């Protein structure tokens, strides 16, 4: 699995998680200052979110559909 790191802010999420690039690199997890996302056959899952934000806050900024399970955590609390 490939993990991507990004310094993208909340305002940059739309560009970061927009249409998939044609680079051929498939990342399975993306870690950025506002959240941790997993990419799999079900789509994009929010695993962790920055304190003060919710998965719904992230969804408002994105065209793609996010999903979050009952194991959603605050960043840095595991």
PDB file of N, CA and C in Angstrom:
ATOM      1  N   UNK A   1       0.838  -1.191   0.000  1.00  0.00           N
ATOM      2  CA  UNK A   1       0.000   0.000   0.000  1.00  0.00           C
ATOM      3  C   UNK A   1       0.879   1.248   0.000  1.00  0.00           C
ATOM      4  N   UNK A   2       0.373   2.303  -0.589  1.00  0.00           N
ATOM      5  CA  UNK A   2       1.120   3.550  -0.722  1.00  0.00           C
ATOM      6  C   UNK A   2       0.430   4.626   0.099  1.00  0.00           C
ATOM      7  N   UNK A   3       1.182   5.296   0.963  1.00  0.00           N
ATOM      8  CA  UNK A   3       0.650   6.375   1.786  1.00  0.00           C
ATOM      9  C   UNK A   3       1.149   7.697   1.223  1.00  0.00           C
ATOM     10  N   UNK A   4       0.224   8.643   1.047  1.00  0.00           N
ATOM     11  CA  UNK A   4       0.588   9.969   0.566  1.00  0.00           C
ATOM     12  C   UNK A   4       0.528  10.969   1.706  1.00  0.00           C
ATOM     13  N   UNK A   5       1.456  11.910   1.694  1.00  0.00           N
ATOM     14  CA  UNK A   5       1.467  12.985   2.679  1.00  0.00           C
ATOM     15  C   UNK A   5       1.245  14.301   1.950  1.00  0.00           C
ATOM     16  N   UNK A   6       0.435  15.171   2.531  1.00  0.00           N
ATOM     17  CA  UNK A   6       0.170  16.457   1.916  1.00  0.00           C
ATOM     18  C   UNK A   6       0.098  17.533   2.984  1.00  0.00           C
ATOM     19  N   UNK A   7       0.513  18.734   2.627  1.00  0.00           N
ATOM     20  CA  UNK A   7       0.400  19.867   3.543  1.00  0.00           C
ATOM     21  C   UNK A   7      -0.850  20.684   3.216  1.00  0.00           C
ATOM     22  N   UNK A   8      -1.747  20.120   2.426  1.00  0.00           N
ATOM     23  CA  UNK A   8      -2.958  20.828   2.000  1.00  0.00           C
ATOM     24  C   UNK A   8      -3.827  21.238   3.171  1.00  0.00           C
ATOM     25  N   UNK A   9      -4.417  22.410   3.035  1.00  0.00           N
ATOM     26  CA  UNK A   9      -5.319  22.933   4.059  1.00  0.00           C
ATOM     27  C   UNK A   9      -6.757  22.554   3.714  1.00  0.00           C
ATOM     28  N   UNK A  10      -7.663  22.929   4.578  1.00  0.00           N
ATOM     29  CA  UNK A  10      -9.075  22.672   4.353  1.00  0.00           C
ATOM     30  C   UNK A  10      -9.527  23.282   3.028  1.00  0.00           C
ATOM     31  N   UNK A  11      -9.028  24.463   2.704  1.00  0.00           N
ATOM     32  CA  UNK A  11      -9.408  25.131   1.459  1.00  0.00           C
ATOM     33  C   UNK A  11      -8.887  24.421   0.218  1.00  0.00           C
ATOM     34  N   UNK A  12      -7.844  23.613   0.366  1.00  0.00           N
ATOM     35  CA  UNK A  12      -7.250  22.909  -0.771  1.00  0.00           C
ATOM     36  C   UNK A  12      -7.832  21.514  -1.004  1.00  0.00           C
ATOM     37  N   UNK A  13      -8.700  21.054  -0.111  1.00  0.00           N
ATOM     38  CA  UNK A  13      -9.190  19.681  -0.208  1.00  0.00           C
ATOM     39  C   UNK A  13      -9.854  19.362  -1.538  1.00  0.00           C
ATOM     40  N   UNK A  14     -10.627  20.297  -2.071  1.00  0.00           N
ATOM     41  CA  UNK A  14     -11.319  20.045  -3.327  1.00  0.00           C
ATOM     42  C   UNK A  14     -10.369  19.691  -4.452  1.00  0.00           C
ATOM     43  N   UNK A  15      -9.258  20.411  -4.533  1.00  0.00           N
ATOM     44  CA  UNK A  15      -8.262  20.136  -5.569  1.00  0.00           C
ATOM     45  C   UNK A  15      -7.514  18.841  -5.264  1.00  0.00           C
ATOM     46  N   UNK A  16      -7.262  18.600  -4.006  1.00  0.00           N
ATOM     47  CA  UNK A  16      -6.507  17.417  -3.600  1.00  0.00           C
ATOM     48  C   UNK A  16      -7.289  16.133  -3.853  1.00  0.00           C
ATOM     49  N   UNK A  17      -8.577  16.161  -3.560  1.00  0.00           N
ATOM     50  CA  UNK A  17      -9.399  14.961  -3.695  1.00  0.00           C
ATOM     51  C   UNK A  17     -10.336  15.044  -4.892  1.00  0.00           C
ATOM     52  N   UNK A  18      -9.929  15.813  -5.883  1.00  0.00           N
ATOM     53  CA  UNK A  18     -10.731  15.938  -7.096  1.00  0.00           C
ATOM     54  C   UNK A  18     -10.597  14.691  -7.947  1.00  0.00           C
ATOM     55  N   UNK A  19     -10.877  14.821  -9.250  1.00  0.00           N
ATOM     56  CA  UNK A  19     -10.771  13.660 -10.147  1.00  0.00           C
ATOM     57  C   UNK A  19      -9.389  13.013 -10.051  1.00  0.00           C
ATOM     58  N   UNK A  20      -9.392  11.692 -10.123  1.00  0.00           N
ATOM     59  CA  UNK A  20      -8.133  10.955  -9.986  1.00  0.00           C
ATOM     60  C   UNK A  20      -7.157  11.342 -11.088  1.00  0.00           C
ATOM     61  N   UNK A  21      -5.921  11.460 -10.706  1.00  0.00           N
ATOM     62  CA  UNK A  21      -4.894  11.801 -11.685  1.00  0.00           C
ATOM     63  C   UNK A  21      -4.574  10.572 -12.521  1.00  0.00           C
ATOM     64  N   UNK A  22      -3.936  10.809 -13.623  1.00  0.00           N
ATOM     65  CA  UNK A  22      -3.553   9.718 -14.514  1.00  0.00           C
ATOM     66  C   UNK A  22      -2.097   9.320 -14.309  1.00  0.00           C
ATOM     67  N   UNK A  23      -1.559   9.621 -13.137  1.00  0.00           N
ATOM     68  CA  UNK A  23      -0.149   9.336 -12.880  1.00  0.00           C
ATOM     69  C   UNK A  23       0.122   7.847 -12.762  1.00  0.00           C
ATOM     70  N   UNK A  24      -0.905   7.060 -12.523  1.00  0.00           N
ATOM     71  CA  UNK A  24      -0.719   5.629 -12.379  1.00  0.00           C
ATOM     72  C   UNK A  24      -0.407   5.205 -10.958  1.00  0.00           C
ATOM     73  N   UNK A  25      -0.184   6.156 -10.080  1.00  0.00           N
ATOM     74  CA  UNK A  25       0.107   5.817  -8.686  1.00  0.00           C
ATOM     75  C   UNK A  25      -1.209   5.759  -7.922  1.00  0.00           C
ATOM     76  N   UNK A  26      -1.471   4.623  -7.309  1.00  0.00           N
ATOM     77  CA  UNK A  26      -2.684   4.447  -6.525  1.00  0.00           C
ATOM     78  C   UNK A  26      -2.318   4.506  -5.048  1.00  0.00           C
ATOM     79  N   UNK A  27      -2.718   5.572  -4.372  1.00  0.00           N
ATOM     80  CA  UNK A  27      -2.430   5.632  -2.945  1.00  0.00           C
ATOM     81  C   UNK A  27      -3.604   5.039  -2.181  1.00  0.00           C
ATOM     82  N   UNK A  28      -3.301   4.424  -1.064  1.00  0.00           N
ATOM     83  CA  UNK A  28      -4.351   3.800  -0.250  1.00  0.00           C
ATOM     84  C   UNK A  28      -4.711   4.672   0.953  1.00  0.00           C
ATOM     85  N   UNK A  29      -3.806   5.566   1.342  1.00  0.00           N
ATOM     86  CA  UNK A  29      -4.076   6.463   2.472  1.00  0.00           C
ATOM     87  C   UNK A  29      -3.438   7.814   2.191  1.00  0.00           C
ATOM     88  N   UNK A  30      -4.163   8.880   2.547  1.00  0.00           N
ATOM     89  CA  UNK A  30      -3.643  10.234   2.413  1.00  0.00           C
ATOM     90  C   UNK A  30      -3.700  10.899   3.776  1.00  0.00           C
ATOM     91  N   UNK A  31      -2.570  11.417   4.218  1.00  0.00           N
ATOM     92  CA  UNK A  31      -2.480  12.094   5.504  1.00  0.00           C
ATOM     93  C   UNK A  31      -2.217  13.570   5.242  1.00  0.00           C
ATOM     94  N   UNK A  32      -3.088  14.433   5.743  1.00  0.00           N
ATOM     95  CA  UNK A  32      -2.888  15.873   5.611  1.00  0.00           C
ATOM     96  C   UNK A  32      -3.264  16.538   6.938  1.00  0.00           C
ATOM     97  N   UNK A  33      -2.988  17.821   7.097  1.00  0.00           N
ATOM     98  CA  UNK A  33      -3.208  18.471   8.396  1.00  0.00           C
ATOM     99  C   UNK A  33      -4.664  18.476   8.876  1.00  0.00           C
ATOM    100  N   UNK A  34      -5.621  18.328   7.974  1.00  0.00           N
ATOM    101  CA  UNK A  34      -7.019  18.390   8.403  1.00  0.00           C
ATOM    102  C   UNK A  34      -7.667  17.025   8.574  1.00  0.00           C
ATOM    103  N   UNK A  35      -7.099  15.997   7.938  1.00  0.00           N
ATOM    104  CA  UNK A  35      -7.737  14.684   8.022  1.00  0.00           C
ATOM    105  C   UNK A  35      -6.826  13.588   7.480  1.00  0.00           C
ATOM    106  N   UNK A  36      -7.244  12.355   7.748  1.00  0.00           N
ATOM    107  CA  UNK A  36      -6.624  11.173   7.158  1.00  0.00           C
ATOM    108  C   UNK A  36      -7.712  10.469   6.356  1.00  0.00           C
ATOM    109  N   UNK A  37      -7.408  10.189   5.089  1.00  0.00           N
ATOM    110  CA  UNK A  37      -8.371   9.550   4.202  1.00  0.00           C
ATOM    111  C   UNK A  37      -7.835   8.207   3.740  1.00  0.00           C
ATOM    112  N   UNK A  38      -8.715   7.214   3.636  1.00  0.00           N
ATOM    113  CA  UNK A  38      -8.370   5.933   3.033  1.00  0.00           C
ATOM    114  C   UNK A  38      -9.116   5.809   1.720  1.00  0.00           C
ATOM    115  N   UNK A  39      -8.448   5.254   0.715  1.00  0.00           N
ATOM    116  CA  UNK A  39      -9.038   5.040  -0.601  1.00  0.00           C
ATOM    117  C   UNK A  39      -9.147   3.537  -0.830  1.00  0.00           C
ATOM    118  N   UNK A  40     -10.341   3.059  -1.123  1.00  0.00           N
ATOM    119  CA  UNK A  40     -10.531   1.637  -1.377  1.00  0.00           C
ATOM    120  C   UNK A  40     -11.689   1.432  -2.350  1.00  0.00           C
ATOM    121  N   UNK A  41     -12.090   0.198  -2.544  1.00  0.00           N
ATOM    122  CA  UNK A  41     -13.137  -0.094  -3.526  1.00  0.00           C
ATOM    123  C   UNK A  41     -14.487   0.535  -3.159  1.00  0.00           C
ATOM    124  N   UNK A  42     -14.668   0.899  -1.907  1.00  0.00           N
ATOM    125  CA  UNK A  42     -15.926   1.519  -1.475  1.00  0.00           C
ATOM    126  C   UNK A  42     -15.927   3.029  -1.678  1.00  0.00           C
ATOM    127  N   UNK A  43     -14.772   3.607  -1.987  1.00  0.00           N
ATOM    128  CA  UNK A  43     -14.688   5.051  -2.165  1.00  0.00           C
ATOM    129  C   UNK A  43     -13.656   5.662  -1.234  1.00  0.00           C
ATOM    130  N   UNK A  44     -13.950   6.864  -0.751  1.00  0.00           N
ATOM    131  CA  UNK A  44     -13.022   7.595   0.114  1.00  0.00           C
ATOM    132  C   UNK A  44     -13.597   7.637   1.531  1.00  0.00           C
ATOM    133  N   UNK A  45     -12.853   7.094   2.468  1.00  0.00           N
ATOM    134  CA  UNK A  45     -13.286   7.068   3.868  1.00  0.00           C
ATOM    135  C   UNK A  45     -12.451   8.036   4.685  1.00  0.00           C
ATOM    136  N   UNK A  46     -13.134   8.823   5.512  1.00  0.00           N
ATOM    137  CA  UNK A  46     -12.448   9.702   6.460  1.00  0.00           C
ATOM    138  C   UNK A  46     -12.143   8.863   7.694  1.00  0.00           C
ATOM    139  N   UNK A  47     -10.858   8.737   8.034  1.00  0.00           N
ATOM    140  CA  UNK A  47     -10.458   7.935   9.198  1.00  0.00           C
ATOM    141  C   UNK A  47     -10.250   8.797  10.436  1.00  0.00           C
ATOM    142  N   UNK A  48      -9.644   9.977  10.219  1.00  0.00           N
ATOM    143  CA  UNK A  48      -9.378  10.900  11.324  1.00  0.00           C
ATOM    144  C   UNK A  48      -9.653  12.309  10.827  1.00  0.00           C
ATOM    145  N   UNK A  49     -10.072  13.166  11.734  1.00  0.00           N
ATOM    146  CA  UNK A  49     -10.369  14.550  11.367  1.00  0.00           C
ATOM    147  C   UNK A  49      -9.811  15.482  12.441  1.00  0.00           C
ATOM    148  N   UNK A  50      -9.360  16.655  12.009  1.00  0.00           N
ATOM    149  CA  UNK A  50      -8.761  17.620  12.935  1.00  0.00           C
ATOM    150  C   UNK A  50      -9.773  18.083  13.983  1.00  0.00           C
ATOM    151  N   UNK A  51      -9.297  18.365  15.181  1.00  0.00           N
ATOM    152  CA  UNK A  51     -10.141  18.869  16.261  1.00  0.00           C
ATOM    153  C   UNK A  51     -10.921  20.092  15.774  1.00  0.00           C
ATOM    154  N   UNK A  52     -12.200  20.120  16.061  1.00  0.00           N
ATOM    155  CA  UNK A  52     -13.038  21.242  15.668  1.00  0.00           C
ATOM    156  C   UNK A  52     -13.721  21.056  14.322  1.00  0.00           C
ATOM    157  N   UNK A  53     -13.363  19.997  13.595  1.00  0.00           N
ATOM    158  CA  UNK A  53     -13.997  19.707  12.313  1.00  0.00           C
ATOM    159  C   UNK A  53     -14.763  18.392  12.392  1.00  0.00           C
ATOM    160  N   UNK A  54     -15.712  18.231  11.491  1.00  0.00           N
ATOM    161  CA  UNK A  54     -16.444  16.965  11.379  1.00  0.00           C
ATOM    162  C   UNK A  54     -16.310  16.458   9.950  1.00  0.00           C
ATOM    163  N   UNK A  55     -16.681  15.210   9.738  1.00  0.00           N
ATOM    164  CA  UNK A  55     -16.689  14.657   8.378  1.00  0.00           C
ATOM    165  C   UNK A  55     -17.627  15.477   7.500  1.00  0.00           C
ATOM    166  N   UNK A  56     -18.718  15.970   8.070  1.00  0.00           N
ATOM    167  CA  UNK A  56     -19.671  16.794   7.308  1.00  0.00           C
ATOM    168  C   UNK A  56     -19.014  18.100   6.843  1.00  0.00           C
ATOM    169  N   UNK A  57     -18.148  18.679   7.674  1.00  0.00           N
ATOM    170  CA  UNK A  57     -17.418  19.896   7.276  1.00  0.00           C
ATOM    171  C   UNK A  57     -16.556  19.621   6.046  1.00  0.00           C
ATOM    172  N   UNK A  58     -15.917  18.461   6.032  1.00  0.00           N
ATOM    173  CA  UNK A  58     -15.086  18.094   4.887  1.00  0.00           C
ATOM    174  C   UNK A  58     -15.953  17.860   3.654  1.00  0.00           C
ATOM    175  N   UNK A  59     -17.074  17.151   3.846  1.00  0.00           N
ATOM    176  CA  UNK A  59     -17.949  16.826   2.729  1.00  0.00           C
ATOM    177  C   UNK A  59     -18.465  18.079   2.030  1.00  0.00           C
ATOM    178  N   UNK A  60     -18.736  19.125   2.791  1.00  0.00           N
ATOM    179  CA  UNK A  60     -19.245  20.375   2.216  1.00  0.00           C
ATOM    180  C   UNK A  60     -18.292  20.964   1.180  1.00  0.00           C
ATOM    181  N   UNK A  61     -17.016  20.651   1.286  1.00  0.00           N
ATOM    182  CA  UNK A  61     -16.002  21.229   0.399  1.00  0.00           C
ATOM    183  C   UNK A  61     -15.632  20.325  -0.776  1.00  0.00           C
ATOM    184  N   UNK A  62     -16.243  19.155  -0.835  1.00  0.00           N
ATOM    185  CA  UNK A  62     -15.838  18.175  -1.839  1.00  0.00           C
ATOM    186  C   UNK A  62     -16.986  17.768  -2.758  1.00  0.00           C
ATOM    187  N   UNK A  63     -16.652  17.506  -4.018  1.00  0.00           N
ATOM    188  CA  UNK A  63     -17.650  17.037  -4.980  1.00  0.00           C
ATOM    189  C   UNK A  63     -17.854  15.524  -4.841  1.00  0.00           C
ATOM    190  N   UNK A  64     -16.825  14.813  -4.390  1.00  0.00           N
ATOM    191  CA  UNK A  64     -16.975  13.367  -4.237  1.00  0.00           C
ATOM    192  C   UNK A  64     -17.628  13.044  -2.899  1.00  0.00           C
ATOM    193  N   UNK A  65     -18.189  11.865  -2.815  1.00  0.00           N
ATOM    194  CA  UNK A  65     -18.867  11.448  -1.585  1.00  0.00           C
ATOM    195  C   UNK A  65     -17.875  10.791  -0.638  1.00  0.00           C
ATOM    196  N   UNK A  66     -17.839  11.289   0.580  1.00  0.00           N
ATOM    197  CA  UNK A  66     -17.014  10.699   1.628  1.00  0.00           C
ATOM    198  C   UNK A  66     -17.869   9.772   2.466  1.00  0.00           C
ATOM    199  N   UNK A  67     -17.255   8.824   3.108  1.00  0.00           N
ATOM    200  CA  UNK A  67     -17.962   8.058   4.124  1.00  0.00           C
ATOM    201  C   UNK A  67     -17.093   7.967   5.360  1.00  0.00           C
ATOM    202  N   UNK A  68     -17.769   7.892   6.477  1.00  0.00           N
ATOM    203  CA  UNK A  68     -17.082   7.804   7.769  1.00  0.00           C
ATOM    204  C   UNK A  68     -17.788   6.753   8.599  1.00  0.00           C
ATOM    205  N   UNK A  69     -17.012   5.915   9.228  1.00  0.00           N
ATOM    206  CA  UNK A  69     -17.589   4.864  10.049  1.00  0.00           C
ATOM    207  C   UNK A  69     -17.573   5.229  11.518  1.00  0.00           C
ATOM    208  N   UNK A  70     -18.048   4.305  12.331  1.00  0.00           N
ATOM    209  CA  UNK A  70     -18.098   4.557  13.780  1.00  0.00           C
ATOM    210  C   UNK A  70     -16.706   4.648  14.398  1.00  0.00           C
ATOM    211  N   UNK A  71     -15.670   4.266  13.645  1.00  0.00           N
ATOM    212  CA  UNK A  71     -14.308   4.329  14.171  1.00  0.00           C
ATOM    213  C   UNK A  71     -13.609   5.643  13.829  1.00  0.00           C
ATOM    214  N   UNK A  72     -14.358   6.654  13.342  1.00  0.00           N
ATOM    215  CA  UNK A  72     -13.770   7.965  13.045  1.00  0.00           C
ATOM    216  C   UNK A  72     -13.196   8.565  14.321  1.00  0.00           C
ATOM    217  N   UNK A  73     -11.930   9.021  14.229  1.00  0.00           N
ATOM    218  CA  UNK A  73     -11.230   9.556  15.399  1.00  0.00           C
ATOM    219  C   UNK A  73     -10.801  10.990  15.151  1.00  0.00           C
ATOM    220  N   UNK A  74     -10.480  11.673  16.228  1.00  0.00           N
ATOM    221  CA  UNK A  74      -9.864  12.986  16.125  1.00  0.00           C
ATOM    222  C   UNK A  74      -8.373  12.751  15.848  1.00  0.00           C
ATOM    223  N   UNK A  75      -7.783  13.569  14.968  1.00  0.00           N
ATOM    224  CA  UNK A  75      -6.362  13.445  14.643  1.00  0.00           C
ATOM    225  C   UNK A  75      -5.504  13.431  15.914  1.00  0.00           C
ATOM    226  N   UNK A  76      -4.596  12.481  15.985  1.00  0.00           N
ATOM    227  CA  UNK A  76      -3.646  12.438  17.084  1.00  0.00           C
ATOM    228  C   UNK A  76      -4.175  11.868  18.383  1.00  0.00           C
ATOM    229  N   UNK A  77      -5.342  11.225  18.360  1.00  0.00           N
ATOM    230  CA  UNK A  77      -5.893  10.694  19.623  1.00  0.00           C
ATOM    231  C   UNK A  77      -5.886   9.179  19.691  1.00  0.00           C
ATOM    232  N   UNK A  78      -5.056   8.526  18.884  1.00  0.00           N
ATOM    233  CA  UNK A  78      -5.083   7.067  18.912  1.00  0.00           C
ATOM    234  C   UNK A  78      -3.998   6.485  19.729  1.00  0.00           C
TER     235      UNK A  78
END
